[in-house]
Each structure stands twice: as C-alpha cells, then as structure tokens.
Amino acid sequence: MTHHPMNDKGMASALELLSEQGLSGLGKAIEILLSMAMEVERERHLQASPYERTEQRQGYANGFKPKTVNSRLGPLSLRVPQVSQGQQFG
C-alpha cells in the first residue's frame, strides 16, 4: 500500500479547522480524522489501496454508509467505508 495525497489533504483540513475555529472546530476535525482512520483500516483489511490491483486483495471497496455518533463534542457525522466480498465495517 502506498501513501495517498488525500490523507495529507484530510490532515491539513483538520489542522486548518482547529487553527481557524479553535475548540469549536474540534468536532468537525475529529470527524475528518476518524473518517481517514476508517479508510486506512479498510485498506489494511482489503490488503490493497484504492484502484490498486494485487493478488493479495481480499475484496473491494463498496462505497460508504452514513452514521451519526453521539459524543461529548456533539453528534459526529461519519462516512463508514463498506467492502464487498468480505467483512463489512460498522
């Protein structure tokens, strides 16, 4: 698996939110970071990055499922990655 610029954009977005909005942007920053972490978990589970063809691949990415998680920061709107031909997250 390789490093994706999308992860850099997500991290930059989270840091920008925190620097501009302070603690009031913390909830949205956590949403971004959790979404990135779930996508990394899906890549590890599938043993392949998006659009990567390998013999080790264990299934395919199959979109996202919206999920709201209540936290101390308020409701967090997440996009839970889905997979096909394998175990689903969520």
PDB file of N, CA and C in Angstrom:
ATOM      1  N   MET A   1       0.838  -1.175   0.000  1.00  0.00           N
ATOM      2  CA  MET A   1       0.000   0.000   0.000  1.00  0.00           C
ATOM      3  C   MET A   1       0.886   1.242   0.000  1.00  0.00           C
ATOM      4  N   THR A   2       0.416   2.256  -0.682  1.00  0.00           N
ATOM      5  CA  THR A   2       1.205   3.462  -0.830  1.00  0.00           C
ATOM      6  C   THR A   2       0.578   4.613  -0.061  1.00  0.00           C
ATOM      7  N   HIS A   3       1.334   5.698   0.048  1.00  0.00           N
ATOM      8  CA  HIS A   3       0.855   6.902   0.727  1.00  0.00           C
ATOM      9  C   HIS A   3      -0.038   7.678  -0.233  1.00  0.00           C
ATOM     10  N   HIS A   4      -1.183   8.174   0.251  1.00  0.00           N
ATOM     11  CA  HIS A   4      -2.117   8.896  -0.600  1.00  0.00           C
ATOM     12  C   HIS A   4      -2.137  10.372  -0.249  1.00  0.00           C
ATOM     13  N   PRO A   5      -2.072  11.258  -1.271  1.00  0.00           N
ATOM     14  CA  PRO A   5      -2.169  12.692  -1.015  1.00  0.00           C
ATOM     15  C   PRO A   5      -3.484  13.078  -0.349  1.00  0.00           C
ATOM     16  N   MET A   6      -4.555  12.257  -0.554  1.00  0.00           N
ATOM     17  CA  MET A   6      -5.844  12.525   0.078  1.00  0.00           C
ATOM     18  C   MET A   6      -5.682  12.596   1.602  1.00  0.00           C
ATOM     19  N   ASN A   7      -4.839  11.729   2.163  1.00  0.00           N
ATOM     20  CA  ASN A   7      -4.617  11.750   3.601  1.00  0.00           C
ATOM     21  C   ASN A   7      -3.979  13.055   4.032  1.00  0.00           C
ATOM     22  N   ASP A   8      -3.063  13.591   3.208  1.00  0.00           N
ATOM     23  CA  ASP A   8      -2.445  14.879   3.505  1.00  0.00           C
ATOM     24  C   ASP A   8      -3.491  15.994   3.483  1.00  0.00           C
ATOM     25  N   LYS A   9      -4.409  15.942   2.520  1.00  0.00           N
ATOM     26  CA  LYS A   9      -5.470  16.947   2.431  1.00  0.00           C
ATOM     27  C   LYS A   9      -6.383  16.872   3.638  1.00  0.00           C
ATOM     28  N   GLY A  10      -6.724  15.660   4.055  1.00  0.00           N
ATOM     29  CA  GLY A  10      -7.587  15.493   5.221  1.00  0.00           C
ATOM     30  C   GLY A  10      -6.936  16.014   6.485  1.00  0.00           C
ATOM     31  N   MET A  11      -5.671  15.695   6.658  1.00  0.00           N
ATOM     32  CA  MET A  11      -4.934  16.174   7.835  1.00  0.00           C
ATOM     33  C   MET A  11      -4.829  17.691   7.802  1.00  0.00           C
ATOM     34  N   ALA A  12      -4.538  18.247   6.631  1.00  0.00           N
ATOM     35  CA  ALA A  12      -4.439  19.699   6.507  1.00  0.00           C
ATOM     36  C   ALA A  12      -5.777  20.362   6.810  1.00  0.00           C
ATOM     37  N   SER A  13      -6.869  19.752   6.352  1.00  0.00           N
ATOM     38  CA  SER A  13      -8.204  20.304   6.626  1.00  0.00           C
ATOM     39  C   SER A  13      -8.503  20.305   8.123  1.00  0.00           C
ATOM     40  N   ALA A  14      -8.162  19.217   8.791  1.00  0.00           N
ATOM     41  CA  ALA A  14      -8.403  19.126  10.238  1.00  0.00           C
ATOM     42  C   ALA A  14      -7.581  20.172  10.984  1.00  0.00           C
ATOM     43  N   LEU A  15      -6.321  20.319  10.623  1.00  0.00           N
ATOM     44  CA  LEU A  15      -5.470  21.306  11.283  1.00  0.00           C
ATOM     45  C   LEU A  15      -5.944  22.730  11.000  1.00  0.00           C
ATOM     46  N   GLU A  16      -6.394  22.981   9.770  1.00  0.00           N
ATOM     47  CA  GLU A  16      -6.897  24.305   9.418  1.00  0.00           C
ATOM     48  C   GLU A  16      -8.140  24.647  10.232  1.00  0.00           C
ATOM     49  N   LEU A  17      -9.045  23.683  10.386  1.00  0.00           N
ATOM     50  CA  LEU A  17     -10.242  23.900  11.206  1.00  0.00           C
ATOM     51  C   LEU A  17      -9.866  24.276  12.632  1.00  0.00           C
ATOM     52  N   LEU A  18      -8.920  23.536  13.197  1.00  0.00           N
ATOM     53  CA  LEU A  18      -8.509  23.814  14.573  1.00  0.00           C
ATOM     54  C   LEU A  18      -7.832  25.172  14.705  1.00  0.00           C
ATOM     55  N   SER A  19      -7.015  25.536  13.724  1.00  0.00           N
ATOM     56  CA  SER A  19      -6.321  26.823  13.826  1.00  0.00           C
ATOM     57  C   SER A  19      -7.274  27.996  13.614  1.00  0.00           C
ATOM     58  N   GLU A  20      -8.274  27.823  12.750  1.00  0.00           N
ATOM     59  CA  GLU A  20      -9.209  28.912  12.482  1.00  0.00           C
ATOM     60  C   GLU A  20     -10.322  29.005  13.521  1.00  0.00           C
ATOM     61  N   GLN A  21     -10.845  27.852  13.963  1.00  0.00           N
ATOM     62  CA  GLN A  21     -12.024  27.858  14.828  1.00  0.00           C
ATOM     63  C   GLN A  21     -11.723  27.483  16.273  1.00  0.00           C
ATOM     64  N   GLY A  22     -10.505  27.071  16.543  1.00  0.00           N
ATOM     65  CA  GLY A  22     -10.166  26.662  17.904  1.00  0.00           C
ATOM     66  C   GLY A  22     -10.971  25.445  18.324  1.00  0.00           C
ATOM     67  N   LEU A  23     -11.350  25.410  19.578  1.00  0.00           N
ATOM     68  CA  LEU A  23     -12.078  24.252  20.101  1.00  0.00           C
ATOM     69  C   LEU A  23     -13.456  24.074  19.474  1.00  0.00           C
ATOM     70  N   SER A  24     -14.051  25.141  18.943  1.00  0.00           N
ATOM     71  CA  SER A  24     -15.364  24.986  18.314  1.00  0.00           C
ATOM     72  C   SER A  24     -15.274  24.170  17.017  1.00  0.00           C
ATOM     73  N   GLY A  25     -14.095  24.051  16.429  1.00  0.00           N
ATOM     74  CA  GLY A  25     -13.905  23.237  15.232  1.00  0.00           C
ATOM     75  C   GLY A  25     -13.453  21.827  15.535  1.00  0.00           C
ATOM     76  N   LEU A  26     -13.332  21.499  16.809  1.00  0.00           N
ATOM     77  CA  LEU A  26     -12.809  20.189  17.204  1.00  0.00           C
ATOM     78  C   LEU A  26     -13.692  19.034  16.729  1.00  0.00           C
ATOM     79  N   GLY A  27     -15.001  19.182  16.810  1.00  0.00           N
ATOM     80  CA  GLY A  27     -15.909  18.120  16.383  1.00  0.00           C
ATOM     81  C   GLY A  27     -15.729  17.772  14.915  1.00  0.00           C
ATOM     82  N   LYS A  28     -15.690  18.787  14.056  1.00  0.00           N
ATOM     83  CA  LYS A  28     -15.514  18.559  12.622  1.00  0.00           C
ATOM     84  C   LYS A  28     -14.129  17.971  12.338  1.00  0.00           C
ATOM     85  N   ALA A  29     -13.100  18.434  13.054  1.00  0.00           N
ATOM     86  CA  ALA A  29     -11.753  17.897  12.877  1.00  0.00           C
ATOM     87  C   ALA A  29     -11.709  16.414  13.249  1.00  0.00           C
ATOM     88  N   ILE A  30     -12.406  16.041  14.313  1.00  0.00           N
ATOM     89  CA  ILE A  30     -12.470  14.633  14.728  1.00  0.00           C
ATOM     90  C   ILE A  30     -13.195  13.808  13.676  1.00  0.00           C
ATOM     91  N   GLU A  31     -14.266  14.365  13.083  1.00  0.00           N
ATOM     92  CA  GLU A  31     -14.959  13.658  12.003  1.00  0.00           C
ATOM     93  C   GLU A  31     -13.994  13.333  10.858  1.00  0.00           C
ATOM     94  N   ILE A  32     -13.200  14.310  10.466  1.00  0.00           N
ATOM     95  CA  ILE A  32     -12.241  14.125   9.369  1.00  0.00           C
ATOM     96  C   ILE A  32     -11.222  13.057   9.732  1.00  0.00           C
ATOM     97  N   LEU A  33     -10.660  13.142  10.935  1.00  0.00           N
ATOM     98  CA  LEU A  33      -9.632  12.185  11.354  1.00  0.00           C
ATOM     99  C   LEU A  33     -10.186  10.768  11.492  1.00  0.00           C
ATOM    100  N   LEU A  34     -11.395  10.624  12.039  1.00  0.00           N
ATOM    101  CA  LEU A  34     -12.000   9.296  12.157  1.00  0.00           C
ATOM    102  C   LEU A  34     -12.287   8.697  10.781  1.00  0.00           C
ATOM    103  N   SER A  35     -12.754   9.527   9.856  1.00  0.00           N
ATOM    104  CA  SER A  35     -13.014   9.043   8.505  1.00  0.00           C
ATOM    105  C   SER A  35     -11.726   8.559   7.843  1.00  0.00           C
ATOM    106  N   MET A  36     -10.650   9.309   8.018  1.00  0.00           N
ATOM    107  CA  MET A  36      -9.353   8.902   7.462  1.00  0.00           C
ATOM    108  C   MET A  36      -8.902   7.583   8.081  1.00  0.00           C
ATOM    109  N   ALA A  37      -9.065   7.449   9.388  1.00  0.00           N
ATOM    110  CA  ALA A  37      -8.636   6.225  10.077  1.00  0.00           C
ATOM    111  C   ALA A  37      -9.435   5.020   9.581  1.00  0.00           C
ATOM    112  N   MET A  38     -10.745   5.201   9.352  1.00  0.00           N
ATOM    113  CA  MET A  38     -11.561   4.085   8.867  1.00  0.00           C
ATOM    114  C   MET A  38     -11.171   3.695   7.440  1.00  0.00           C
ATOM    115  N   GLU A  39     -10.786   4.668   6.623  1.00  0.00           N
ATOM    116  CA  GLU A  39     -10.348   4.351   5.263  1.00  0.00           C
ATOM    117  C   GLU A  39      -9.027   3.588   5.279  1.00  0.00           C
ATOM    118  N   VAL A  40      -8.122   3.958   6.179  1.00  0.00           N
ATOM    119  CA  VAL A  40      -6.856   3.223   6.325  1.00  0.00           C
ATOM    120  C   VAL A  40      -7.141   1.799   6.785  1.00  0.00           C
ATOM    121  N   GLU A  41      -8.085   1.650   7.735  1.00  0.00           N
ATOM    122  CA  GLU A  41      -8.458   0.318   8.213  1.00  0.00           C
ATOM    123  C   GLU A  41      -9.022  -0.532   7.075  1.00  0.00           C
ATOM    124  N   ARG A  42      -9.842   0.091   6.218  1.00  0.00           N
ATOM    125  CA  ARG A  42     -10.393  -0.658   5.082  1.00  0.00           C
ATOM    126  C   ARG A  42      -9.277  -1.099   4.134  1.00  0.00           C
ATOM    127  N   GLU A  43      -8.310  -0.217   3.868  1.00  0.00           N
ATOM    128  CA  GLU A  43      -7.182  -0.592   3.002  1.00  0.00           C
ATOM    129  C   GLU A  43      -6.415  -1.771   3.579  1.00  0.00           C
ATOM    130  N   ARG A  44      -6.186  -1.743   4.881  1.00  0.00           N
ATOM    131  CA  ARG A  44      -5.466  -2.851   5.518  1.00  0.00           C
ATOM    132  C   ARG A  44      -6.263  -4.146   5.441  1.00  0.00           C
ATOM    133  N   HIS A  45      -7.562  -4.038   5.645  1.00  0.00           N
ATOM    134  CA  HIS A  45      -8.420  -5.222   5.569  1.00  0.00           C
ATOM    135  C   HIS A  45      -8.409  -5.806   4.152  1.00  0.00           C
ATOM    136  N   LEU A  46      -8.522  -4.932   3.159  1.00  0.00           N
ATOM    137  CA  LEU A  46      -8.551  -5.381   1.771  1.00  0.00           C
ATOM    138  C   LEU A  46      -7.166  -5.769   1.251  1.00  0.00           C
ATOM    139  N   GLN A  47      -6.137  -5.340   1.955  1.00  0.00           N
ATOM    140  CA  GLN A  47      -4.747  -5.550   1.553  1.00  0.00           C
ATOM    141  C   GLN A  47      -4.463  -4.928   0.189  1.00  0.00           C
ATOM    142  N   ALA A  48      -5.084  -3.777  -0.067  1.00  0.00           N
ATOM    143  CA  ALA A  48      -4.866  -3.035  -1.304  1.00  0.00           C
ATOM    144  C   ALA A  48      -5.385  -1.614  -1.140  1.00  0.00           C
ATOM    145  N   SER A  49      -4.705  -0.670  -1.788  1.00  0.00           N
ATOM    146  CA  SER A  49      -5.147   0.718  -1.821  1.00  0.00           C
ATOM    147  C   SER A  49      -6.228   0.876  -2.875  1.00  0.00           C
ATOM    148  N   PRO A  50      -6.952   2.006  -2.864  1.00  0.00           N
ATOM    149  CA  PRO A  50      -7.943   2.223  -3.917  1.00  0.00           C
ATOM    150  C   PRO A  50      -7.295   2.141  -5.298  1.00  0.00           C
ATOM    151  N   TYR A  51      -7.939   1.464  -6.209  1.00  0.00           N
ATOM    152  CA  TYR A  51      -7.514   1.292  -7.602  1.00  0.00           C
ATOM    153  C   TYR A  51      -6.254   0.439  -7.749  1.00  0.00           C
ATOM    154  N   GLU A  52      -5.760  -0.147  -6.668  1.00  0.00           N
ATOM    155  CA  GLU A  52      -4.565  -0.991  -6.730  1.00  0.00           C
ATOM    156  C   GLU A  52      -4.973  -2.430  -7.037  1.00  0.00           C
ATOM    157  N   ARG A  53      -4.272  -3.053  -7.960  1.00  0.00           N
ATOM    158  CA  ARG A  53      -4.516  -4.450  -8.322  1.00  0.00           C
ATOM    159  C   ARG A  53      -3.402  -5.299  -7.735  1.00  0.00           C
ATOM    160  N   THR A  54      -3.755  -6.193  -6.831  1.00  0.00           N
ATOM    161  CA  THR A  54      -2.761  -7.104  -6.259  1.00  0.00           C
ATOM    162  C   THR A  54      -3.372  -8.489  -6.106  1.00  0.00           C
ATOM    163  N   GLU A  55      -2.530  -9.482  -6.056  1.00  0.00           N
ATOM    164  CA  GLU A  55      -3.006 -10.849  -5.830  1.00  0.00           C
ATOM    165  C   GLU A  55      -3.452 -11.053  -4.388  1.00  0.00           C
ATOM    166  N   GLN A  56      -3.006 -10.194  -3.480  1.00  0.00           N
ATOM    167  CA  GLN A  56      -3.345 -10.319  -2.071  1.00  0.00           C
ATOM    168  C   GLN A  56      -4.694  -9.686  -1.728  1.00  0.00           C
ATOM    169  N   ARG A  57      -5.298  -8.964  -2.674  1.00  0.00           N
ATOM    170  CA  ARG A  57      -6.555  -8.248  -2.409  1.00  0.00           C
ATOM    171  C   ARG A  57      -7.596  -9.204  -1.829  1.00  0.00           C
ATOM    172  N   GLN A  58      -8.294  -8.752  -0.768  1.00  0.00           N
ATOM    173  CA  GLN A  58      -9.273  -9.572  -0.059  1.00  0.00           C
ATOM    174  C   GLN A  58     -10.708  -9.080  -0.257  1.00  0.00           C
ATOM    175  N   GLY A  59     -10.994  -8.391  -1.323  1.00  0.00           N
ATOM    176  CA  GLY A  59     -12.323  -7.864  -1.582  1.00  0.00           C
ATOM    177  C   GLY A  59     -12.199  -6.504  -2.242  1.00  0.00           C
ATOM    178  N   TYR A  60     -13.293  -5.749  -2.247  1.00  0.00           N
ATOM    179  CA  TYR A  60     -13.310  -4.467  -2.937  1.00  0.00           C
ATOM    180  C   TYR A  60     -14.035  -3.421  -2.106  1.00  0.00           C
ATOM    181  N   ALA A  61     -13.577  -2.163  -2.233  1.00  0.00           N
ATOM    182  CA  ALA A  61     -14.268  -1.054  -1.593  1.00  0.00           C
ATOM    183  C   ALA A  61     -15.649  -0.927  -2.228  1.00  0.00           C
ATOM    184  N   ASN A  62     -16.650  -0.663  -1.413  1.00  0.00           N
ATOM    185  CA  ASN A  62     -18.019  -0.620  -1.906  1.00  0.00           C
ATOM    186  C   ASN A  62     -18.755   0.582  -1.322  1.00  0.00           C
ATOM    187  N   GLY A  63     -18.181   1.763  -1.457  1.00  0.00           N
ATOM    188  CA  GLY A  63     -18.842   2.985  -1.026  1.00  0.00           C
ATOM    189  C   GLY A  63     -18.792   3.222   0.476  1.00  0.00           C
ATOM    190  N   PHE A  64     -19.703   4.062   0.926  1.00  0.00           N
ATOM    191  CA  PHE A  64     -19.748   4.490   2.321  1.00  0.00           C
ATOM    192  C   PHE A  64     -21.180   4.440   2.841  1.00  0.00           C
ATOM    193  N   LYS A  65     -21.307   4.279   4.157  1.00  0.00           N
ATOM    194  CA  LYS A  65     -22.608   4.295   4.822  1.00  0.00           C
ATOM    195  C   LYS A  65     -22.583   5.445   5.828  1.00  0.00           C
ATOM    196  N   PRO A  66     -23.564   6.351   5.778  1.00  0.00           N
ATOM    197  CA  PRO A  66     -23.580   7.441   6.762  1.00  0.00           C
ATOM    198  C   PRO A  66     -23.928   6.923   8.150  1.00  0.00           C
ATOM    199  N   LYS A  67     -23.278   7.491   9.148  1.00  0.00           N
ATOM    200  CA  LYS A  67     -23.552   7.099  10.530  1.00  0.00           C
ATOM    201  C   LYS A  67     -23.313   8.304  11.428  1.00  0.00           C
ATOM    202  N   THR A  68     -24.220   8.541  12.353  1.00  0.00           N
ATOM    203  CA  THR A  68     -24.057   9.612  13.325  1.00  0.00           C
ATOM    204  C   THR A  68     -23.715   8.993  14.670  1.00  0.00           C
ATOM    205  N   VAL A  69     -22.639   9.488  15.256  1.00  0.00           N
ATOM    206  CA  VAL A  69     -22.184   9.010  16.559  1.00  0.00           C
ATOM    207  C   VAL A  69     -22.310  10.164  17.547  1.00  0.00           C
ATOM    208  N   ASN A  70     -23.005   9.946  18.648  1.00  0.00           N
ATOM    209  CA  ASN A  70     -23.117  10.973  19.680  1.00  0.00           C
ATOM    210  C   ASN A  70     -21.883  10.920  20.558  1.00  0.00           C
ATOM    211  N   SER A  71     -21.270  12.088  20.761  1.00  0.00           N
ATOM    212  CA  SER A  71     -20.053  12.172  21.567  1.00  0.00           C
ATOM    213  C   SER A  71     -20.138  13.380  22.487  1.00  0.00           C
ATOM    214  N   ARG A  72     -19.136  13.545  23.309  1.00  0.00           N
ATOM    215  CA  ARG A  72     -19.094  14.720  24.195  1.00  0.00           C
ATOM    216  C   ARG A  72     -18.960  16.016  23.396  1.00  0.00           C
ATOM    217  N   LEU A  73     -18.467  15.896  22.159  1.00  0.00           N
ATOM    218  CA  LEU A  73     -18.324  17.067  21.295  1.00  0.00           C
ATOM    219  C   LEU A  73     -19.602  17.372  20.521  1.00  0.00           C
ATOM    220  N   GLY A  74     -20.614  16.536  20.711  1.00  0.00           N
ATOM    221  CA  GLY A  74     -21.852  16.658  19.962  1.00  0.00           C
ATOM    222  C   GLY A  74     -21.932  15.535  18.947  1.00  0.00           C
ATOM    223  N   PRO A  75     -22.951  15.549  18.106  1.00  0.00           N
ATOM    224  CA  PRO A  75     -23.080  14.489  17.111  1.00  0.00           C
ATOM    225  C   PRO A  75     -21.980  14.589  16.054  1.00  0.00           C
ATOM    226  N   LEU A  76     -21.374  13.451  15.732  1.00  0.00           N
ATOM    227  CA  LEU A  76     -20.348  13.384  14.696  1.00  0.00           C
ATOM    228  C   LEU A  76     -20.944  12.640  13.502  1.00  0.00           C
ATOM    229  N   SER A  77     -20.933  13.277  12.347  1.00  0.00           N
ATOM    230  CA  SER A  77     -21.439  12.660  11.121  1.00  0.00           C
ATOM    231  C   SER A  77     -20.286  11.986  10.406  1.00  0.00           C
ATOM    232  N   LEU A  78     -20.336  10.667  10.363  1.00  0.00           N
ATOM    233  CA  LEU A  78     -19.245   9.891   9.774  1.00  0.00           C
ATOM    234  C   LEU A  78     -19.705   9.198   8.504  1.00  0.00           C
ATOM    235  N   ARG A  79     -18.739   8.861   7.668  1.00  0.00           N
ATOM    236  CA  ARG A  79     -18.976   8.043   6.480  1.00  0.00           C
ATOM    237  C   ARG A  79     -18.193   6.752   6.705  1.00  0.00           C
ATOM    238  N   VAL A  80     -18.898   5.686   6.998  1.00  0.00           N
ATOM    239  CA  VAL A  80     -18.263   4.401   7.315  1.00  0.00           C
ATOM    240  C   VAL A  80     -17.985   3.656   6.007  1.00  0.00           C
ATOM    241  N   PRO A  81     -16.708   3.343   5.729  1.00  0.00           N
ATOM    242  CA  PRO A  81     -16.375   2.624   4.499  1.00  0.00           C
ATOM    243  C   PRO A  81     -16.966   1.220   4.493  1.00  0.00           C
ATOM    244  N   GLN A  82     -17.446   0.806   3.322  1.00  0.00           N
ATOM    245  CA  GLN A  82     -18.012  -0.529   3.149  1.00  0.00           C
ATOM    246  C   GLN A  82     -17.107  -1.344   2.233  1.00  0.00           C
ATOM    247  N   VAL A  83     -17.193  -2.659   2.342  1.00  0.00           N
ATOM    248  CA  VAL A  83     -16.455  -3.556   1.458  1.00  0.00           C
ATOM    249  C   VAL A  83     -17.411  -4.619   0.925  1.00  0.00           C
ATOM    250  N   SER A  84     -17.056  -5.207  -0.208  1.00  0.00           N
ATOM    251  CA  SER A  84     -17.812  -6.336  -0.734  1.00  0.00           C
ATOM    252  C   SER A  84     -16.872  -7.524  -0.837  1.00  0.00           C
ATOM    253  N   GLN A  85     -17.419  -8.719  -0.879  1.00  0.00           N
ATOM    254  CA  GLN A  85     -16.656  -9.951  -0.888  1.00  0.00           C
ATOM    255  C   GLN A  85     -15.761 -10.053   0.330  1.00  0.00           C
ATOM    256  N   GLY A  86     -16.275  -9.659   1.470  1.00  0.00           N
ATOM    257  CA  GLY A  86     -15.501  -9.722   2.700  1.00  0.00           C
ATOM    258  C   GLY A  86     -16.311  -9.151   3.837  1.00  0.00           C
ATOM    259  N   GLN A  87     -15.684  -8.980   4.967  1.00  0.00           N
ATOM    260  CA  GLN A  87     -16.317  -8.471   6.173  1.00  0.00           C
ATOM    261  C   GLN A  87     -16.638  -6.988   6.011  1.00  0.00           C
ATOM    262  N   GLN A  88     -17.790  -6.538   6.534  1.00  0.00           N
ATOM    263  CA  GLN A  88     -18.157  -5.130   6.471  1.00  0.00           C
ATOM    264  C   GLN A  88     -17.861  -4.461   7.796  1.00  0.00           C
ATOM    265  N   PHE A  89     -17.440  -3.200   7.728  1.00  0.00           N
ATOM    266  CA  PHE A  89     -17.158  -2.415   8.922  1.00  0.00           C
ATOM    267  C   PHE A  89     -18.422  -1.718   9.362  1.00  0.00           C
ATOM    268  N   GLY A  90     -18.492  -1.360  10.634  1.00  0.00           N
ATOM    269  CA  GLY A  90     -19.623  -0.555  11.086  1.00  0.00           C
ATOM    270  C   GLY A  90     -20.211  -1.150  12.262  1.00  0.00           C
TER     271      GLY A  90
END
